[in-house]
Amino acid sequence: MPTIFCRICSLFVLITFNSGSYAASAHEQDQFSLILQQLDTIERLATRAETVSTAEPNERYRFDYPQLNQDIQRIRQGVQDYLSPSRAQPRDPGELVGDYRLDTPPAELLP
């Protein structure tokens, strides 16, 4: 009788620990957690860079910070959806833009 109780308890413990991690192994979850932390860092650095950047009137291109932030959010959402899926089949994610250079419109000549 005690062995059956021990087996049931062991099975319960295994089910409890594995129920939240069926999408990824513990090592993989750790790695994705690091990725999410790095995305937070990249987002903070990009925000800081955007606040200190100055748009020169004769620059032909400038960096597209809003598009970078959208892509970071898309990556973050994809990682979070993988770690805690809401349904059995993964959805088809949208493509990242990846082009962060904006053409600066030419400055109008003042009379």
PDB file of N, CA and C in Angstrom:
ATOM      1  N   MET A   1       0.811  -1.198   0.000  1.00  0.00           N
ATOM      2  CA  MET A   1       0.000   0.000   0.000  1.00  0.00           C
ATOM      3  C   MET A   1       0.860   1.271   0.000  1.00  0.00           C
ATOM      4  N   PRO A   2       1.930   1.366   0.841  1.00  0.00           N
ATOM      5  CA  PRO A   2       2.751   2.567   0.820  1.00  0.00           C
ATOM      6  C   PRO A   2       3.424   2.790  -0.537  1.00  0.00           C
ATOM      7  N   THR A   3       3.775   1.737  -1.253  1.00  0.00           N
ATOM      8  CA  THR A   3       4.423   1.936  -2.553  1.00  0.00           C
ATOM      9  C   THR A   3       3.461   2.540  -3.567  1.00  0.00           C
ATOM     10  N   ILE A   4       2.203   2.179  -3.519  1.00  0.00           N
ATOM     11  CA  ILE A   4       1.221   2.763  -4.427  1.00  0.00           C
ATOM     12  C   ILE A   4       1.058   4.240  -4.112  1.00  0.00           C
ATOM     13  N   PHE A   5       0.997   4.570  -2.823  1.00  0.00           N
ATOM     14  CA  PHE A   5       0.881   5.964  -2.417  1.00  0.00           C
ATOM     15  C   PHE A   5       2.096   6.765  -2.886  1.00  0.00           C
ATOM     16  N   CYS A   6       3.296   6.208  -2.737  1.00  0.00           N
ATOM     17  CA  CYS A   6       4.519   6.885  -3.185  1.00  0.00           C
ATOM     18  C   CYS A   6       4.518   7.072  -4.692  1.00  0.00           C
ATOM     19  N   ARG A   7       4.065   6.070  -5.419  1.00  0.00           N
ATOM     20  CA  ARG A   7       4.000   6.187  -6.881  1.00  0.00           C
ATOM     21  C   ARG A   7       3.013   7.266  -7.305  1.00  0.00           C
ATOM     22  N   ILE A   8       1.874   7.320  -6.648  1.00  0.00           N
ATOM     23  CA  ILE A   8       0.872   8.337  -6.981  1.00  0.00           C
ATOM     24  C   ILE A   8       1.407   9.720  -6.658  1.00  0.00           C
ATOM     25  N   CYS A   9       2.054   9.852  -5.506  1.00  0.00           N
ATOM     26  CA  CYS A   9       2.642  11.148  -5.143  1.00  0.00           C
ATOM     27  C   CYS A   9       3.726  11.563  -6.131  1.00  0.00           C
ATOM     28  N   SER A  10       4.563  10.610  -6.525  1.00  0.00           N
ATOM     29  CA  SER A  10       5.617  10.914  -7.501  1.00  0.00           C
ATOM     30  C   SER A  10       5.022  11.337  -8.826  1.00  0.00           C
ATOM     31  N   LEU A  11       3.994  10.641  -9.259  1.00  0.00           N
ATOM     32  CA  LEU A  11       3.333  10.987 -10.513  1.00  0.00           C
ATOM     33  C   LEU A  11       2.706  12.374 -10.426  1.00  0.00           C
ATOM     34  N   PHE A  12       2.084  12.675  -9.304  1.00  0.00           N
ATOM     35  CA  PHE A  12       1.475  13.989  -9.107  1.00  0.00           C
ATOM     36  C   PHE A  12       2.532  15.093  -9.164  1.00  0.00           C
ATOM     37  N   VAL A  13       3.653  14.875  -8.521  1.00  0.00           N
ATOM     38  CA  VAL A  13       4.739  15.867  -8.537  1.00  0.00           C
ATOM     39  C   VAL A  13       5.259  16.074  -9.955  1.00  0.00           C
ATOM     40  N   LEU A  14       5.453  15.003 -10.693  1.00  0.00           N
ATOM     41  CA  LEU A  14       5.927  15.131 -12.078  1.00  0.00           C
ATOM     42  C   LEU A  14       4.934  15.879 -12.942  1.00  0.00           C
ATOM     43  N   ILE A  15       3.663  15.579 -12.788  1.00  0.00           N
ATOM     44  CA  ILE A  15       2.630  16.274 -13.574  1.00  0.00           C
ATOM     45  C   ILE A  15       2.590  17.741 -13.208  1.00  0.00           C
ATOM     46  N   THR A  16       2.703  18.035 -11.929  1.00  0.00           N
ATOM     47  CA  THR A  16       2.666  19.431 -11.478  1.00  0.00           C
ATOM     48  C   THR A  16       3.830  20.231 -12.040  1.00  0.00           C
ATOM     49  N   PHE A  17       5.034  19.681 -11.989  1.00  0.00           N
ATOM     50  CA  PHE A  17       6.202  20.413 -12.474  1.00  0.00           C
ATOM     51  C   PHE A  17       6.238  20.502 -13.985  1.00  0.00           C
ATOM     52  N   ASN A  18       5.715  19.532 -14.688  1.00  0.00           N
ATOM     53  CA  ASN A  18       5.781  19.525 -16.142  1.00  0.00           C
ATOM     54  C   ASN A  18       4.573  20.148 -16.813  1.00  0.00           C
ATOM     55  N   SER A  19       3.518  20.457 -16.082  1.00  0.00           N
ATOM     56  CA  SER A  19       2.309  20.970 -16.718  1.00  0.00           C
ATOM     57  C   SER A  19       2.524  22.344 -17.339  1.00  0.00           C
ATOM     58  N   GLY A  20       3.326  23.198 -16.729  1.00  0.00           N
ATOM     59  CA  GLY A  20       3.547  24.523 -17.267  1.00  0.00           C
ATOM     60  C   GLY A  20       4.677  24.594 -18.270  1.00  0.00           C
ATOM     61  N   SER A  21       5.422  23.527 -18.455  1.00  0.00           N
ATOM     62  CA  SER A  21       6.587  23.592 -19.322  1.00  0.00           C
ATOM     63  C   SER A  21       6.514  22.607 -20.473  1.00  0.00           C
ATOM     64  N   TYR A  22       5.333  22.320 -20.946  1.00  0.00           N
ATOM     65  CA  TYR A  22       5.234  21.357 -22.034  1.00  0.00           C
ATOM     66  C   TYR A  22       5.703  21.934 -23.352  1.00  0.00           C
ATOM     67  N   ALA A  23       5.769  23.233 -23.467  1.00  0.00           N
ATOM     68  CA  ALA A  23       6.175  23.842 -24.729  1.00  0.00           C
ATOM     69  C   ALA A  23       7.692  23.856 -24.894  1.00  0.00           C
ATOM     70  N   ALA A  24       8.431  23.880 -23.811  1.00  0.00           N
ATOM     71  CA  ALA A  24       9.880  23.988 -23.909  1.00  0.00           C
ATOM     72  C   ALA A  24      10.527  23.318 -22.704  1.00  0.00           C
ATOM     73  N   SER A  25      11.743  22.827 -22.911  1.00  0.00           N
ATOM     74  CA  SER A  25      12.483  22.233 -21.804  1.00  0.00           C
ATOM     75  C   SER A  25      12.930  23.344 -20.855  1.00  0.00           C
ATOM     76  N   ALA A  26      13.387  22.956 -19.688  1.00  0.00           N
ATOM     77  CA  ALA A  26      13.827  23.941 -18.701  1.00  0.00           C
ATOM     78  C   ALA A  26      15.000  24.760 -19.234  1.00  0.00           C
ATOM     79  N   HIS A  27      15.942  24.093 -19.904  1.00  0.00           N
ATOM     80  CA  HIS A  27      17.088  24.811 -20.468  1.00  0.00           C
ATOM     81  C   HIS A  27      16.620  25.795 -21.543  1.00  0.00           C
ATOM     82  N   GLU A  28      15.704  25.339 -22.375  1.00  0.00           N
ATOM     83  CA  GLU A  28      15.195  26.216 -23.433  1.00  0.00           C
ATOM     84  C   GLU A  28      14.429  27.397 -22.842  1.00  0.00           C
ATOM     85  N   GLN A  29      13.662  27.162 -21.790  1.00  0.00           N
ATOM     86  CA  GLN A  29      12.959  28.260 -21.130  1.00  0.00           C
ATOM     87  C   GLN A  29      13.944  29.270 -20.550  1.00  0.00           C
ATOM     88  N   ASP A  30      15.039  28.785 -19.979  1.00  0.00           N
ATOM     89  CA  ASP A  30      16.073  29.691 -19.463  1.00  0.00           C
ATOM     90  C   ASP A  30      16.666  30.539 -20.577  1.00  0.00           C
ATOM     91  N   GLN A  31      16.925  29.909 -21.714  1.00  0.00           N
ATOM     92  CA  GLN A  31      17.499  30.634 -22.845  1.00  0.00           C
ATOM     93  C   GLN A  31      16.522  31.687 -23.376  1.00  0.00           C
ATOM     94  N   PHE A  32      15.255  31.324 -23.471  1.00  0.00           N
ATOM     95  CA  PHE A  32      14.255  32.292 -23.939  1.00  0.00           C
ATOM     96  C   PHE A  32      14.051  33.412 -22.930  1.00  0.00           C
ATOM     97  N   SER A  33      14.199  33.106 -21.655  1.00  0.00           N
ATOM     98  CA  SER A  33      14.127  34.144 -20.641  1.00  0.00           C
ATOM     99  C   SER A  33      15.257  35.148 -20.830  1.00  0.00           C
ATOM    100  N   LEU A  34      16.442  34.646 -21.138  1.00  0.00           N
ATOM    101  CA  LEU A  34      17.574  35.540 -21.428  1.00  0.00           C
ATOM    102  C   LEU A  34      17.313  36.375 -22.683  1.00  0.00           C
ATOM    103  N   ILE A  35      16.710  35.759 -23.681  1.00  0.00           N
ATOM    104  CA  ILE A  35      16.382  36.500 -24.908  1.00  0.00           C
ATOM    105  C   ILE A  35      15.421  37.639 -24.586  1.00  0.00           C
ATOM    106  N   LEU A  36      14.412  37.374 -23.770  1.00  0.00           N
ATOM    107  CA  LEU A  36      13.453  38.420 -23.405  1.00  0.00           C
ATOM    108  C   LEU A  36      14.139  39.544 -22.633  1.00  0.00           C
ATOM    109  N   GLN A  37      15.080  39.197 -21.750  1.00  0.00           N
ATOM    110  CA  GLN A  37      15.832  40.229 -21.023  1.00  0.00           C
ATOM    111  C   GLN A  37      16.670  41.062 -21.985  1.00  0.00           C
ATOM    112  N   GLN A  38      17.281  40.400 -22.969  1.00  0.00           N
ATOM    113  CA  GLN A  38      18.094  41.122 -23.948  1.00  0.00           C
ATOM    114  C   GLN A  38      17.231  42.014 -24.831  1.00  0.00           C
ATOM    115  N   LEU A  39      16.030  41.565 -25.169  1.00  0.00           N
ATOM    116  CA  LEU A  39      15.116  42.411 -25.934  1.00  0.00           C
ATOM    117  C   LEU A  39      14.745  43.658 -25.135  1.00  0.00           C
ATOM    118  N   ASP A  40      14.545  43.501 -23.822  1.00  0.00           N
ATOM    119  CA  ASP A  40      14.271  44.657 -22.969  1.00  0.00           C
ATOM    120  C   ASP A  40      15.439  45.638 -22.999  1.00  0.00           C
ATOM    121  N   THR A  41      16.658  45.099 -22.933  1.00  0.00           N
ATOM    122  CA  THR A  41      17.849  45.942 -22.968  1.00  0.00           C
ATOM    123  C   THR A  41      17.968  46.671 -24.304  1.00  0.00           C
ATOM    124  N   ILE A  42      17.747  45.946 -25.393  1.00  0.00           N
ATOM    125  CA  ILE A  42      17.811  46.560 -26.728  1.00  0.00           C
ATOM    126  C   ILE A  42      16.769  47.659 -26.851  1.00  0.00           C
ATOM    127  N   GLU A  43      15.577  47.399 -26.335  1.00  0.00           N
ATOM    128  CA  GLU A  43      14.510  48.395 -26.405  1.00  0.00           C
ATOM    129  C   GLU A  43      14.880  49.653 -25.627  1.00  0.00           C
ATOM    130  N   ARG A  44      15.456  49.476 -24.428  1.00  0.00           N
ATOM    131  CA  ARG A  44      15.892  50.641 -23.638  1.00  0.00           C
ATOM    132  C   ARG A  44      16.993  51.416 -24.355  1.00  0.00           C
ATOM    133  N   LEU A  45      17.964  50.694 -24.940  1.00  0.00           N
ATOM    134  CA  LEU A  45      19.053  51.370 -25.657  1.00  0.00           C
ATOM    135  C   LEU A  45      18.523  52.124 -26.876  1.00  0.00           C
ATOM    136  N   ALA A  46      17.585  51.535 -27.587  1.00  0.00           N
ATOM    137  CA  ALA A  46      17.010  52.192 -28.762  1.00  0.00           C
ATOM    138  C   ALA A  46      16.233  53.437 -28.352  1.00  0.00           C
ATOM    139  N   THR A  47      15.503  53.355 -27.245  1.00  0.00           N
ATOM    140  CA  THR A  47      14.763  54.521 -26.755  1.00  0.00           C
ATOM    141  C   THR A  47      15.718  55.634 -26.365  1.00  0.00           C
ATOM    142  N   ARG A  48      16.798  55.258 -25.693  1.00  0.00           N
ATOM    143  CA  ARG A  48      17.799  56.252 -25.303  1.00  0.00           C
ATOM    144  C   ARG A  48      18.450  56.875 -26.541  1.00  0.00           C
ATOM    145  N   ALA A  49      18.779  56.042 -27.523  1.00  0.00           N
ATOM    146  CA  ALA A  49      19.401  56.559 -28.745  1.00  0.00           C
ATOM    147  C   ALA A  49      18.448  57.492 -29.488  1.00  0.00           C
ATOM    148  N   GLU A  50      17.166  57.152 -29.483  1.00  0.00           N
ATOM    149  CA  GLU A  50      16.187  57.994 -30.174  1.00  0.00           C
ATOM    150  C   GLU A  50      16.054  59.355 -29.496  1.00  0.00           C
ATOM    151  N   THR A  51      16.115  59.379 -28.161  1.00  0.00           N
ATOM    152  CA  THR A  51      15.962  60.654 -27.462  1.00  0.00           C
ATOM    153  C   THR A  51      17.165  61.570 -27.655  1.00  0.00           C
ATOM    154  N   VAL A  52      18.356  61.000 -27.846  1.00  0.00           N
ATOM    155  CA  VAL A  52      19.537  61.854 -28.011  1.00  0.00           C
ATOM    156  C   VAL A  52      19.867  62.126 -29.479  1.00  0.00           C
ATOM    157  N   SER A  53      19.180  61.443 -30.386  1.00  0.00           N
ATOM    158  CA  SER A  53      19.484  61.665 -31.801  1.00  0.00           C
ATOM    159  C   SER A  53      18.924  63.010 -32.244  1.00  0.00           C
ATOM    160  N   THR A  54      19.673  63.644 -33.096  1.00  0.00           N
ATOM    161  CA  THR A  54      19.234  64.917 -33.659  1.00  0.00           C
ATOM    162  C   THR A  54      19.169  64.767 -35.168  1.00  0.00           C
ATOM    163  N   ALA A  55      18.064  65.151 -35.725  1.00  0.00           N
ATOM    164  CA  ALA A  55      17.897  65.060 -37.173  1.00  0.00           C
ATOM    165  C   ALA A  55      18.528  66.284 -37.814  1.00  0.00           C
ATOM    166  N   GLU A  56      19.592  66.050 -38.533  1.00  0.00           N
ATOM    167  CA  GLU A  56      20.261  67.130 -39.246  1.00  0.00           C
ATOM    168  C   GLU A  56      19.470  67.422 -40.526  1.00  0.00           C
ATOM    169  N   PRO A  57      19.330  68.679 -40.873  1.00  0.00           N
ATOM    170  CA  PRO A  57      18.520  69.013 -42.056  1.00  0.00           C
ATOM    171  C   PRO A  57      19.102  68.488 -43.370  1.00  0.00           C
ATOM    172  N   ASN A  58      20.410  68.304 -43.463  1.00  0.00           N
ATOM    173  CA  ASN A  58      21.009  67.840 -44.712  1.00  0.00           C
ATOM    174  C   ASN A  58      21.329  66.350 -44.693  1.00  0.00           C
ATOM    175  N   GLU A  59      20.817  65.584 -43.715  1.00  0.00           N
ATOM    176  CA  GLU A  59      20.995  64.135 -43.705  1.00  0.00           C
ATOM    177  C   GLU A  59      20.020  63.509 -44.695  1.00  0.00           C
ATOM    178  N   ARG A  60      20.526  62.563 -45.452  1.00  0.00           N
ATOM    179  CA  ARG A  60      19.678  61.911 -46.438  1.00  0.00           C
ATOM    180  C   ARG A  60      18.846  60.799 -45.807  1.00  0.00           C
ATOM    181  N   TYR A  61      19.408  60.121 -44.810  1.00  0.00           N
ATOM    182  CA  TYR A  61      18.712  59.015 -44.163  1.00  0.00           C
ATOM    183  C   TYR A  61      18.703  59.219 -42.658  1.00  0.00           C
ATOM    184  N   ARG A  62      17.730  58.600 -42.022  1.00  0.00           N
ATOM    185  CA  ARG A  62      17.691  58.562 -40.568  1.00  0.00           C
ATOM    186  C   ARG A  62      17.196  57.180 -40.151  1.00  0.00           C
ATOM    187  N   PHE A  63      17.427  56.827 -38.909  1.00  0.00           N
ATOM    188  CA  PHE A  63      17.061  55.504 -38.408  1.00  0.00           C
ATOM    189  C   PHE A  63      15.574  55.468 -38.067  1.00  0.00           C
ATOM    190  N   ASP A  64      14.904  54.380 -38.427  1.00  0.00           N
ATOM    191  CA  ASP A  64      13.468  54.219 -38.195  1.00  0.00           C
ATOM    192  C   ASP A  64      13.251  53.531 -36.844  1.00  0.00           C
ATOM    193  N   TYR A  65      13.282  54.307 -35.777  1.00  0.00           N
ATOM    194  CA  TYR A  65      13.118  53.764 -34.428  1.00  0.00           C
ATOM    195  C   TYR A  65      11.742  53.139 -34.199  1.00  0.00           C
ATOM    196  N   PRO A  66      10.652  53.743 -34.666  1.00  0.00           N
ATOM    197  CA  PRO A  66       9.345  53.101 -34.468  1.00  0.00           C
ATOM    198  C   PRO A  66       9.264  51.708 -35.107  1.00  0.00           C
ATOM    199  N   GLN A  67       9.856  51.535 -36.287  1.00  0.00           N
ATOM    200  CA  GLN A  67       9.832  50.214 -36.919  1.00  0.00           C
ATOM    201  C   GLN A  67      10.658  49.205 -36.130  1.00  0.00           C
ATOM    202  N   LEU A  68      11.795  49.633 -35.591  1.00  0.00           N
ATOM    203  CA  LEU A  68      12.603  48.762 -34.750  1.00  0.00           C
ATOM    204  C   LEU A  68      11.807  48.315 -33.525  1.00  0.00           C
ATOM    205  N   ASN A  69      11.104  49.256 -32.890  1.00  0.00           N
ATOM    206  CA  ASN A  69      10.299  48.909 -31.714  1.00  0.00           C
ATOM    207  C   ASN A  69       9.177  47.937 -32.066  1.00  0.00           C
ATOM    208  N   GLN A  70       8.561  48.106 -33.224  1.00  0.00           N
ATOM    209  CA  GLN A  70       7.514  47.176 -33.654  1.00  0.00           C
ATOM    210  C   GLN A  70       8.085  45.775 -33.853  1.00  0.00           C
ATOM    211  N   ASP A  71       9.262  45.680 -34.466  1.00  0.00           N
ATOM    212  CA  ASP A  71       9.889  44.373 -34.685  1.00  0.00           C
ATOM    213  C   ASP A  71      10.298  43.727 -33.361  1.00  0.00           C
ATOM    214  N   ILE A  72      10.802  44.518 -32.426  1.00  0.00           N
ATOM    215  CA  ILE A  72      11.152  43.980 -31.106  1.00  0.00           C
ATOM    216  C   ILE A  72       9.898  43.428 -30.435  1.00  0.00           C
ATOM    217  N   GLN A  73       8.794  44.163 -30.515  1.00  0.00           N
ATOM    218  CA  GLN A  73       7.546  43.689 -29.915  1.00  0.00           C
ATOM    219  C   GLN A  73       7.061  42.406 -30.583  1.00  0.00           C
ATOM    220  N   ARG A  74       7.226  42.316 -31.893  1.00  0.00           N
ATOM    221  CA  ARG A  74       6.812  41.108 -32.618  1.00  0.00           C
ATOM    222  C   ARG A  74       7.653  39.904 -32.193  1.00  0.00           C
ATOM    223  N   ILE A  75       8.954  40.101 -32.034  1.00  0.00           N
ATOM    224  CA  ILE A  75       9.831  39.019 -31.579  1.00  0.00           C
ATOM    225  C   ILE A  75       9.458  38.620 -30.150  1.00  0.00           C
ATOM    226  N   ARG A  76       9.273  39.609 -29.278  1.00  0.00           N
ATOM    227  CA  ARG A  76       8.915  39.333 -27.889  1.00  0.00           C
ATOM    228  C   ARG A  76       7.610  38.540 -27.815  1.00  0.00           C
ATOM    229  N   GLN A  77       6.616  38.948 -28.588  1.00  0.00           N
ATOM    230  CA  GLN A  77       5.332  38.254 -28.579  1.00  0.00           C
ATOM    231  C   GLN A  77       5.473  36.821 -29.086  1.00  0.00           C
ATOM    232  N   GLY A  78       6.313  36.616 -30.096  1.00  0.00           N
ATOM    233  CA  GLY A  78       6.536  35.271 -30.613  1.00  0.00           C
ATOM    234  C   GLY A  78       7.176  34.361 -29.587  1.00  0.00           C
ATOM    235  N   VAL A  79       8.153  34.874 -28.844  1.00  0.00           N
ATOM    236  CA  VAL A  79       8.810  34.078 -27.801  1.00  0.00           C
ATOM    237  C   VAL A  79       7.810  33.763 -26.689  1.00  0.00           C
ATOM    238  N   GLN A  80       7.045  34.761 -26.267  1.00  0.00           N
ATOM    239  CA  GLN A  80       6.071  34.538 -25.198  1.00  0.00           C
ATOM    240  C   GLN A  80       4.974  33.558 -25.642  1.00  0.00           C
ATOM    241  N   ASP A  81       4.552  33.649 -26.896  1.00  0.00           N
ATOM    242  CA  ASP A  81       3.547  32.712 -27.403  1.00  0.00           C
ATOM    243  C   ASP A  81       4.092  31.293 -27.449  1.00  0.00           C
ATOM    244  N   TYR A  82       5.380  31.150 -27.741  1.00  0.00           N
ATOM    245  CA  TYR A  82       5.980  29.824 -27.758  1.00  0.00           C
ATOM    246  C   TYR A  82       6.071  29.241 -26.348  1.00  0.00           C
ATOM    247  N   LEU A  83       6.468  30.080 -25.395  1.00  0.00           N
ATOM    248  CA  LEU A  83       6.642  29.597 -24.031  1.00  0.00           C
ATOM    249  C   LEU A  83       5.314  29.261 -23.352  1.00  0.00           C
ATOM    250  N   SER A  84       4.272  29.967 -23.702  1.00  0.00           N
ATOM    251  CA  SER A  84       2.952  29.665 -23.121  1.00  0.00           C
ATOM    252  C   SER A  84       1.912  29.720 -24.237  1.00  0.00           C
ATOM    253  N   PRO A  85       1.850  28.665 -25.034  1.00  0.00           N
ATOM    254  CA  PRO A  85       0.936  28.666 -26.182  1.00  0.00           C
ATOM    255  C   PRO A  85      -0.520  28.685 -25.734  1.00  0.00           C
ATOM    256  N   SER A  86      -1.335  29.397 -26.508  1.00  0.00           N
ATOM    257  CA  SER A  86      -2.757  29.466 -26.195  1.00  0.00           C
ATOM    258  C   SER A  86      -3.543  28.403 -26.949  1.00  0.00           C
ATOM    259  N   ARG A  87      -2.917  27.755 -27.912  1.00  0.00           N
ATOM    260  CA  ARG A  87      -3.579  26.692 -28.659  1.00  0.00           C
ATOM    261  C   ARG A  87      -2.535  25.681 -29.115  1.00  0.00           C
ATOM    262  N   ALA A  88      -2.987  24.590 -29.669  1.00  0.00           N
ATOM    263  CA  ALA A  88      -2.086  23.487 -30.007  1.00  0.00           C
ATOM    264  C   ALA A  88      -1.144  23.828 -31.164  1.00  0.00           C
ATOM    265  N   GLN A  89      -1.625  24.464 -32.200  1.00  0.00           N
ATOM    266  CA  GLN A  89      -0.811  24.747 -33.379  1.00  0.00           C
ATOM    267  C   GLN A  89      -0.286  26.179 -33.335  1.00  0.00           C
ATOM    268  N   PRO A  90       0.990  26.372 -33.652  1.00  0.00           N
ATOM    269  CA  PRO A  90       1.504  27.747 -33.685  1.00  0.00           C
ATOM    270  C   PRO A  90       0.899  28.507 -34.856  1.00  0.00           C
ATOM    271  N   ARG A  91       0.696  29.774 -34.640  1.00  0.00           N
ATOM    272  CA  ARG A  91       0.145  30.599 -35.710  1.00  0.00           C
ATOM    273  C   ARG A  91       1.257  31.057 -36.631  1.00  0.00           C
ATOM    274  N   ASP A  92       0.889  31.519 -37.789  1.00  0.00           N
ATOM    275  CA  ASP A  92       1.863  31.997 -38.760  1.00  0.00           C
ATOM    276  C   ASP A  92       2.208  33.442 -38.428  1.00  0.00           C
ATOM    277  N   PRO A  93       3.411  33.706 -37.914  1.00  0.00           N
ATOM    278  CA  PRO A  93       3.756  35.080 -37.542  1.00  0.00           C
ATOM    279  C   PRO A  93       4.008  35.944 -38.772  1.00  0.00           C
ATOM    280  N   GLY A  94       3.820  37.242 -38.596  1.00  0.00           N
ATOM    281  CA  GLY A  94       4.119  38.174 -39.666  1.00  0.00           C
ATOM    282  C   GLY A  94       5.615  38.321 -39.845  1.00  0.00           C
ATOM    283  N   GLU A  95       5.998  38.829 -40.994  1.00  0.00           N
ATOM    284  CA  GLU A  95       7.426  39.002 -41.279  1.00  0.00           C
ATOM    285  C   GLU A  95       7.958  40.253 -40.604  1.00  0.00           C
ATOM    286  N   LEU A  96       9.226  40.200 -40.220  1.00  0.00           N
ATOM    287  CA  LEU A  96       9.900  41.381 -39.709  1.00  0.00           C
ATOM    288  C   LEU A  96      10.280  42.264 -40.882  1.00  0.00           C
ATOM    289  N   VAL A  97      10.259  43.538 -40.674  1.00  0.00           N
ATOM    290  CA  VAL A  97      10.630  44.455 -41.743  1.00  0.00           C
ATOM    291  C   VAL A  97      12.133  44.440 -41.936  1.00  0.00           C
ATOM    292  N   GLY A  98      12.877  44.690 -40.881  1.00  0.00           N
ATOM    293  CA  GLY A  98      14.323  44.608 -40.927  1.00  0.00           C
ATOM    294  C   GLY A  98      15.017  45.769 -41.611  1.00  0.00           C
ATOM    295  N   ASP A  99      14.297  46.668 -42.243  1.00  0.00           N
ATOM    296  CA  ASP A  99      14.902  47.824 -42.899  1.00  0.00           C
ATOM    297  C   ASP A  99      14.588  49.038 -42.042  1.00  0.00           C
ATOM    298  N   TYR A 100      15.607  49.604 -41.420  1.00  0.00           N
ATOM    299  CA  TYR A 100      15.392  50.678 -40.466  1.00  0.00           C
ATOM    300  C   TYR A 100      15.948  52.017 -40.956  1.00  0.00           C
ATOM    301  N   ARG A 101      16.133  52.138 -42.234  1.00  0.00           N
ATOM    302  CA  ARG A 101      16.649  53.393 -42.777  1.00  0.00           C
ATOM    303  C   ARG A 101      15.503  54.128 -43.454  1.00  0.00           C
ATOM    304  N   LEU A 102      15.256  55.357 -43.021  1.00  0.00           N
ATOM    305  CA  LEU A 102      14.213  56.191 -43.604  1.00  0.00           C
ATOM    306  C   LEU A 102      14.848  57.264 -44.460  1.00  0.00           C
ATOM    307  N   ASP A 103      14.258  57.521 -45.600  1.00  0.00           N
ATOM    308  CA  ASP A 103      14.701  58.644 -46.413  1.00  0.00           C
ATOM    309  C   ASP A 103      14.182  59.919 -45.770  1.00  0.00           C
ATOM    310  N   THR A 104      15.065  60.864 -45.604  1.00  0.00           N
ATOM    311  CA  THR A 104      14.665  62.155 -45.069  1.00  0.00           C
ATOM    312  C   THR A 104      14.207  63.027 -46.227  1.00  0.00           C
ATOM    313  N   PRO A 105      13.004  63.591 -46.143  1.00  0.00           N
ATOM    314  CA  PRO A 105      12.559  64.442 -47.245  1.00  0.00           C
ATOM    315  C   PRO A 105      13.463  65.666 -47.360  1.00  0.00           C
ATOM    316  N   PRO A 106      13.726  66.098 -48.586  1.00  0.00           N
ATOM    317  CA  PRO A 106      14.603  67.255 -48.750  1.00  0.00           C
ATOM    318  C   PRO A 106      13.996  68.490 -48.098  1.00  0.00           C
ATOM    319  N   ALA A 107      14.844  69.281 -47.489  1.00  0.00           N
ATOM    320  CA  ALA A 107      14.383  70.509 -46.838  1.00  0.00           C
ATOM    321  C   ALA A 107      13.961  71.510 -47.900  1.00  0.00           C
ATOM    322  N   GLU A 108      12.839  72.152 -47.637  1.00  0.00           N
ATOM    323  CA  GLU A 108      12.353  73.152 -48.589  1.00  0.00           C
ATOM    324  C   GLU A 108      13.224  74.405 -48.506  1.00  0.00           C
ATOM    325  N   LEU A 109      13.504  74.953 -49.645  1.00  0.00           N
ATOM    326  CA  LEU A 109      14.323  76.168 -49.664  1.00  0.00           C
ATOM    327  C   LEU A 109      13.495  77.354 -49.219  1.00  0.00           C
ATOM    328  N   LEU A 110      14.050  78.135 -48.349  1.00  0.00           N
ATOM    329  CA  LEU A 110      13.362  79.322 -47.863  1.00  0.00           C
ATOM    330  C   LEU A 110      13.676  80.493 -48.792  1.00  0.00           C
ATOM    331  N   PRO A 111      12.675  81.306 -49.112  1.00  0.00           N
ATOM    332  CA  PRO A 111      12.929  82.454 -50.022  1.00  0.00           C
ATOM    333  C   PRO A 111      13.750  83.537 -49.405  1.00  0.00           C
TER     334      PRO A 111
END
